[in-house]
N, C-alpha and C. Protein backbone atom coordinates (compact mmCIF):
# COMPACT_ATOMS: atom_id res chain seq x y z
N MET A 1 114.07 123.00 88.64
CA MET A 1 115.30 122.64 87.97
C MET A 1 116.43 123.39 88.65
N ASN A 2 117.57 122.74 88.79
CA ASN A 2 118.63 123.43 89.49
C ASN A 2 119.26 124.52 88.61
N THR A 3 119.87 125.47 89.26
CA THR A 3 120.41 126.65 88.58
C THR A 3 121.50 126.29 87.59
N PHE A 4 122.32 125.30 87.93
CA PHE A 4 123.38 124.88 87.02
C PHE A 4 122.80 124.46 85.68
N ILE A 5 121.75 123.68 85.70
CA ILE A 5 121.12 123.24 84.45
C ILE A 5 120.48 124.41 83.74
N ARG A 6 119.76 125.24 84.47
CA ARG A 6 119.11 126.40 83.86
C ARG A 6 120.14 127.29 83.16
N ASN A 7 121.32 127.47 83.76
CA ASN A 7 122.35 128.32 83.16
C ASN A 7 122.97 127.71 81.91
N ARG A 8 122.82 126.40 81.71
CA ARG A 8 123.36 125.73 80.53
C ARG A 8 122.41 125.76 79.35
N LEU A 9 121.17 126.17 79.55
CA LEU A 9 120.19 126.17 78.46
C LEU A 9 120.54 127.24 77.43
N PRO A 10 120.42 126.90 76.15
CA PRO A 10 120.70 127.89 75.11
C PRO A 10 119.56 128.90 75.00
N GLU A 11 119.88 130.07 74.47
CA GLU A 11 118.82 131.03 74.12
C GLU A 11 118.01 130.43 72.98
N LYS A 12 116.75 130.84 72.87
CA LYS A 12 115.86 130.22 71.88
C LYS A 12 116.42 130.25 70.46
N GLU A 13 116.81 131.42 70.01
CA GLU A 13 117.29 131.54 68.62
C GLU A 13 118.57 130.75 68.40
N GLU A 14 119.46 130.75 69.40
CA GLU A 14 120.70 129.98 69.31
C GLU A 14 120.40 128.49 69.25
N GLY A 15 119.50 128.03 70.09
CA GLY A 15 119.13 126.62 70.11
C GLY A 15 118.50 126.18 68.80
N LEU A 16 117.57 126.98 68.30
CA LEU A 16 116.92 126.65 67.02
C LEU A 16 117.92 126.66 65.87
N ALA A 17 118.86 127.60 65.89
CA ALA A 17 119.90 127.66 64.85
C ALA A 17 120.76 126.40 64.88
N LYS A 18 121.13 125.95 66.07
CA LYS A 18 121.95 124.73 66.18
C LYS A 18 121.20 123.51 65.67
N ILE A 19 119.93 123.42 65.99
CA ILE A 19 119.11 122.29 65.52
C ILE A 19 118.99 122.35 64.00
N ARG A 20 118.77 123.54 63.47
CA ARG A 20 118.64 123.70 62.01
C ARG A 20 119.96 123.33 61.32
N GLU A 21 121.09 123.83 61.84
CA GLU A 21 122.40 123.53 61.26
C GLU A 21 122.71 122.03 61.29
N ALA A 22 122.32 121.37 62.37
CA ALA A 22 122.59 119.93 62.50
C ALA A 22 121.62 119.09 61.66
N ASN A 23 120.59 119.73 61.12
CA ASN A 23 119.59 119.05 60.30
C ASN A 23 118.98 117.87 61.06
N LEU A 24 118.59 118.13 62.32
CA LEU A 24 118.00 117.08 63.15
C LEU A 24 116.55 116.84 62.77
N PHE A 25 116.14 115.60 62.86
CA PHE A 25 114.78 115.21 62.55
C PHE A 25 114.09 114.68 63.80
N GLU A 26 112.79 114.87 63.84
CA GLU A 26 111.97 114.32 64.91
C GLU A 26 112.01 112.80 64.79
N TYR A 27 112.17 112.12 65.91
CA TYR A 27 112.25 110.66 65.92
C TYR A 27 110.88 110.16 66.31
N GLY A 28 110.13 109.77 65.37
CA GLY A 28 108.78 109.32 65.68
C GLY A 28 108.02 109.00 64.42
N VAL A 29 106.74 109.01 64.54
CA VAL A 29 105.86 108.61 63.46
C VAL A 29 105.98 109.54 62.25
N PHE A 30 106.11 110.85 62.48
CA PHE A 30 106.07 111.81 61.39
C PHE A 30 107.44 112.07 60.76
N HIS A 31 108.52 111.86 61.48
CA HIS A 31 109.89 112.00 60.99
C HIS A 31 110.05 113.23 60.09
N GLU A 32 109.98 114.38 60.70
CA GLU A 32 110.10 115.64 59.98
C GLU A 32 111.23 116.45 60.61
N PRO A 33 111.70 117.51 59.92
CA PRO A 33 112.74 118.33 60.52
C PRO A 33 112.30 118.86 61.89
N LEU A 34 113.16 118.72 62.87
CA LEU A 34 112.82 119.10 64.24
C LEU A 34 112.52 120.59 64.35
N CYS A 35 113.23 121.42 63.61
CA CYS A 35 112.97 122.86 63.67
C CYS A 35 111.55 123.19 63.22
N GLU A 36 111.10 122.55 62.16
CA GLU A 36 109.74 122.79 61.69
C GLU A 36 108.73 122.36 62.75
N ARG A 37 108.98 121.23 63.35
CA ARG A 37 108.09 120.72 64.40
C ARG A 37 108.05 121.68 65.59
N LEU A 38 109.23 122.18 66.00
CA LEU A 38 109.29 123.11 67.14
C LEU A 38 108.58 124.41 66.83
N GLU A 39 108.74 124.93 65.62
CA GLU A 39 108.09 126.18 65.25
C GLU A 39 106.56 126.02 65.26
N ARG A 40 106.05 124.91 64.74
CA ARG A 40 104.61 124.66 64.80
C ARG A 40 104.14 124.51 66.24
N THR A 41 104.94 123.84 67.05
CA THR A 41 104.60 123.65 68.46
C THR A 41 104.58 124.98 69.18
N GLN A 42 105.56 125.85 68.91
CA GLN A 42 105.59 127.18 69.52
C GLN A 42 104.30 127.93 69.20
N ASN A 43 103.90 127.91 67.96
CA ASN A 43 102.67 128.61 67.54
C ASN A 43 101.45 128.04 68.24
N ALA A 44 101.36 126.74 68.34
CA ALA A 44 100.21 126.11 68.99
C ALA A 44 100.20 126.41 70.49
N LEU A 45 101.37 126.40 71.12
CA LEU A 45 101.43 126.63 72.57
C LEU A 45 101.12 128.07 72.96
N GLN A 46 101.30 129.00 72.04
CA GLN A 46 100.98 130.39 72.35
C GLN A 46 99.50 130.55 72.67
N LYS A 47 98.67 129.69 72.12
CA LYS A 47 97.23 129.77 72.31
C LYS A 47 96.72 128.82 73.38
N ALA A 48 97.60 128.01 73.94
CA ALA A 48 97.16 126.94 74.85
C ALA A 48 97.33 127.31 76.32
N GLU A 49 96.56 126.64 77.14
CA GLU A 49 96.75 126.71 78.59
C GLU A 49 97.37 125.38 79.02
N GLY A 50 98.12 125.39 80.12
CA GLY A 50 98.73 124.15 80.57
C GLY A 50 99.71 123.62 79.55
N LYS A 51 100.72 124.40 79.26
CA LYS A 51 101.63 124.15 78.15
C LYS A 51 102.67 123.08 78.46
N ALA A 52 102.31 121.83 78.25
CA ALA A 52 103.23 120.71 78.47
C ALA A 52 103.63 120.11 77.12
N LEU A 53 104.88 119.74 77.00
CA LEU A 53 105.39 119.09 75.80
C LEU A 53 105.50 117.59 76.09
N ALA A 54 105.08 116.77 75.16
CA ALA A 54 105.09 115.31 75.36
C ALA A 54 106.25 114.69 74.60
N PHE A 55 106.99 113.84 75.30
CA PHE A 55 108.06 113.04 74.69
C PHE A 55 107.67 111.59 74.82
N GLY A 56 107.82 110.84 73.76
CA GLY A 56 107.48 109.43 73.81
C GLY A 56 108.65 108.55 73.44
N LEU A 57 109.12 107.78 74.39
CA LEU A 57 110.15 106.80 74.08
C LEU A 57 109.51 105.45 73.79
N ASN A 58 108.27 105.52 73.42
CA ASN A 58 107.56 104.29 73.05
C ASN A 58 107.17 104.31 71.57
N ASN A 59 107.56 105.33 70.84
CA ASN A 59 107.24 105.44 69.41
C ASN A 59 108.42 105.01 68.56
N ASN A 60 108.23 104.02 67.75
CA ASN A 60 109.23 103.57 66.78
C ASN A 60 110.56 103.13 67.38
N ASP A 61 110.62 102.88 68.65
CA ASP A 61 111.86 102.42 69.29
C ASP A 61 111.82 100.89 69.39
N PHE A 62 111.76 100.25 68.25
CA PHE A 62 111.56 98.80 68.21
C PHE A 62 112.74 98.02 68.78
N ASP A 63 113.94 98.58 68.67
CA ASP A 63 115.11 97.88 69.21
C ASP A 63 115.49 98.38 70.61
N HIS A 64 114.65 99.25 71.17
CA HIS A 64 114.83 99.78 72.53
C HIS A 64 116.11 100.59 72.70
N SER A 65 116.63 101.16 71.62
CA SER A 65 117.85 101.95 71.71
C SER A 65 117.65 103.22 72.54
N LEU A 66 116.47 103.84 72.42
CA LEU A 66 116.21 105.04 73.22
C LEU A 66 116.06 104.70 74.70
N LEU A 67 115.42 103.60 74.98
CA LEU A 67 115.30 103.17 76.38
C LEU A 67 116.67 102.85 76.96
N LYS A 68 117.54 102.28 76.16
CA LYS A 68 118.90 101.98 76.61
C LYS A 68 119.64 103.28 76.91
N LEU A 69 119.49 104.27 76.03
CA LEU A 69 120.12 105.58 76.28
C LEU A 69 119.59 106.21 77.57
N LEU A 70 118.30 106.11 77.77
CA LEU A 70 117.70 106.66 78.99
C LEU A 70 118.28 105.98 80.22
N ALA A 71 118.44 104.68 80.17
CA ALA A 71 118.98 103.94 81.31
C ALA A 71 120.45 104.26 81.54
N GLU A 72 121.21 104.46 80.47
CA GLU A 72 122.65 104.65 80.58
C GLU A 72 123.06 106.11 80.78
N ASP A 73 122.29 107.04 80.24
CA ASP A 73 122.69 108.45 80.28
C ASP A 73 121.46 109.34 80.44
N SER A 74 120.74 109.13 81.52
CA SER A 74 119.48 109.85 81.72
C SER A 74 119.69 111.36 81.80
N GLU A 75 120.80 111.81 82.35
CA GLU A 75 121.01 113.26 82.48
C GLU A 75 121.03 113.93 81.10
N THR A 76 121.69 113.32 80.14
CA THR A 76 121.74 113.89 78.79
C THR A 76 120.36 113.89 78.15
N ILE A 77 119.63 112.80 78.33
CA ILE A 77 118.27 112.71 77.77
C ILE A 77 117.38 113.79 78.39
N PHE A 78 117.42 113.93 79.71
CA PHE A 78 116.59 114.92 80.39
C PHE A 78 117.00 116.34 80.01
N TYR A 79 118.29 116.57 79.88
CA TYR A 79 118.77 117.89 79.46
C TYR A 79 118.21 118.24 78.07
N GLY A 80 118.24 117.28 77.16
CA GLY A 80 117.67 117.50 75.83
C GLY A 80 116.18 117.79 75.89
N MET A 81 115.47 117.08 76.75
CA MET A 81 114.04 117.32 76.91
C MET A 81 113.77 118.71 77.46
N VAL A 82 114.56 119.11 78.44
CA VAL A 82 114.39 120.45 79.02
C VAL A 82 114.69 121.52 77.97
N CYS A 83 115.76 121.33 77.18
CA CYS A 83 116.08 122.29 76.12
C CYS A 83 114.93 122.42 75.13
N LEU A 84 114.42 121.29 74.66
CA LEU A 84 113.31 121.33 73.70
C LEU A 84 112.05 121.92 74.31
N THR A 85 111.81 121.64 75.58
CA THR A 85 110.65 122.21 76.25
C THR A 85 110.75 123.73 76.29
N GLU A 86 111.94 124.22 76.64
CA GLU A 86 112.17 125.67 76.67
C GLU A 86 112.05 126.27 75.27
N LEU A 87 112.67 125.63 74.28
CA LEU A 87 112.62 126.14 72.91
C LEU A 87 111.21 126.19 72.35
N ALA A 88 110.39 125.24 72.76
CA ALA A 88 109.00 125.20 72.28
C ALA A 88 108.12 126.20 73.02
N GLY A 89 108.60 126.72 74.14
CA GLY A 89 107.79 127.65 74.92
C GLY A 89 106.82 126.97 75.85
N ALA A 90 107.08 125.70 76.18
CA ALA A 90 106.21 124.96 77.10
C ALA A 90 106.65 125.20 78.54
N ASP A 91 105.74 124.91 79.46
CA ASP A 91 106.03 125.08 80.89
C ASP A 91 106.59 123.82 81.53
N SER A 92 106.29 122.67 80.94
CA SER A 92 106.70 121.39 81.52
C SER A 92 106.72 120.34 80.41
N PHE A 93 107.14 119.13 80.79
CA PHE A 93 107.09 118.04 79.83
C PHE A 93 106.58 116.77 80.49
N VAL A 94 106.11 115.88 79.62
CA VAL A 94 105.63 114.56 80.04
C VAL A 94 106.44 113.55 79.24
N LEU A 95 106.90 112.52 79.91
CA LEU A 95 107.66 111.47 79.24
C LEU A 95 106.84 110.19 79.23
N TYR A 96 106.55 109.69 78.03
CA TYR A 96 105.81 108.44 77.88
C TYR A 96 106.80 107.30 77.64
N LEU A 97 106.63 106.24 78.42
CA LEU A 97 107.45 105.04 78.28
C LEU A 97 106.53 103.85 78.02
N PRO A 98 107.06 102.80 77.41
CA PRO A 98 106.22 101.61 77.21
C PRO A 98 105.69 101.10 78.55
N GLU A 99 104.46 100.68 78.57
CA GLU A 99 103.81 100.24 79.81
C GLU A 99 104.53 99.09 80.50
N ASN A 100 105.11 98.20 79.73
CA ASN A 100 105.74 97.02 80.33
C ASN A 100 107.16 97.27 80.84
N GLU A 101 107.69 98.47 80.68
CA GLU A 101 109.05 98.79 81.12
C GLU A 101 109.04 99.40 82.52
N THR A 102 108.56 98.65 83.49
CA THR A 102 108.41 99.20 84.84
C THR A 102 109.74 99.51 85.51
N GLU A 103 110.76 98.71 85.28
CA GLU A 103 112.07 98.99 85.89
C GLU A 103 112.65 100.30 85.37
N ILE A 104 112.55 100.51 84.06
CA ILE A 104 113.06 101.76 83.48
C ILE A 104 112.24 102.94 83.98
N LYS A 105 110.94 102.76 84.13
CA LYS A 105 110.08 103.83 84.63
C LYS A 105 110.51 104.25 86.03
N ILE A 106 110.72 103.28 86.91
CA ILE A 106 111.14 103.57 88.28
C ILE A 106 112.51 104.26 88.29
N ALA A 107 113.44 103.76 87.49
CA ALA A 107 114.78 104.36 87.40
C ALA A 107 114.70 105.79 86.85
N ALA A 108 113.84 106.00 85.85
CA ALA A 108 113.70 107.34 85.27
C ALA A 108 113.10 108.32 86.28
N GLU A 109 112.12 107.88 87.05
CA GLU A 109 111.53 108.74 88.08
C GLU A 109 112.57 109.14 89.11
N GLU A 110 113.41 108.22 89.53
CA GLU A 110 114.47 108.53 90.50
C GLU A 110 115.50 109.47 89.89
N ALA A 111 115.87 109.21 88.64
CA ALA A 111 116.85 110.06 87.96
C ALA A 111 116.31 111.48 87.77
N LEU A 112 115.01 111.61 87.49
CA LEU A 112 114.40 112.94 87.35
C LEU A 112 114.47 113.72 88.67
N LYS A 113 114.24 113.04 89.78
CA LYS A 113 114.34 113.71 91.08
C LYS A 113 115.73 114.29 91.28
N VAL A 114 116.75 113.52 90.94
CA VAL A 114 118.13 113.98 91.08
C VAL A 114 118.40 115.11 90.10
N PHE A 115 117.94 114.96 88.87
CA PHE A 115 118.19 115.95 87.82
C PHE A 115 117.62 117.31 88.19
N PHE A 116 116.43 117.33 88.76
CA PHE A 116 115.77 118.60 89.07
C PHE A 116 116.04 119.11 90.48
N LYS A 117 116.77 118.37 91.28
CA LYS A 117 117.04 118.77 92.65
C LYS A 117 117.98 119.98 92.66
N GLU A 118 117.61 120.96 93.44
CA GLU A 118 118.45 122.15 93.61
C GLU A 118 119.60 121.78 94.53
N THR A 119 120.82 122.03 94.07
CA THR A 119 122.00 121.70 94.88
C THR A 119 122.35 122.89 95.76
N PRO A 120 122.90 122.64 96.98
CA PRO A 120 123.27 123.74 97.88
C PRO A 120 124.25 124.68 97.19
N GLY A 121 123.98 125.97 97.33
CA GLY A 121 124.86 126.99 96.76
C GLY A 121 124.67 127.24 95.28
N SER A 122 123.69 126.57 94.66
CA SER A 122 123.49 126.77 93.22
C SER A 122 122.45 127.82 92.91
N GLY A 123 121.84 128.39 93.92
CA GLY A 123 120.87 129.46 93.67
C GLY A 123 119.57 129.06 94.14
């Protein structure tokens, strides 16, 4: 990940406080407060090896609004994923997309390369 992005990441307690204040909920099957989900994930990851966090844009996105956001503003989506990955204490993340969305998958892979590319002079 490039240094510019790394420097924009919130500290864990600050990030969790902002999520708690905003009363954000997990978007998916369980639809629970995101802070509670992150705290449980942190506890589980402390005992795990290969600490990857999974994001699914194929869960409950019946109108494809999340896929549209990914296509239109991938940097913001990836930044959010990186923040949540850091807050959860994971080492990496996996993004699941619907199998039939091959164009979005290719575009997301290219956007990820750009997002994580180290820029000259950034460290």
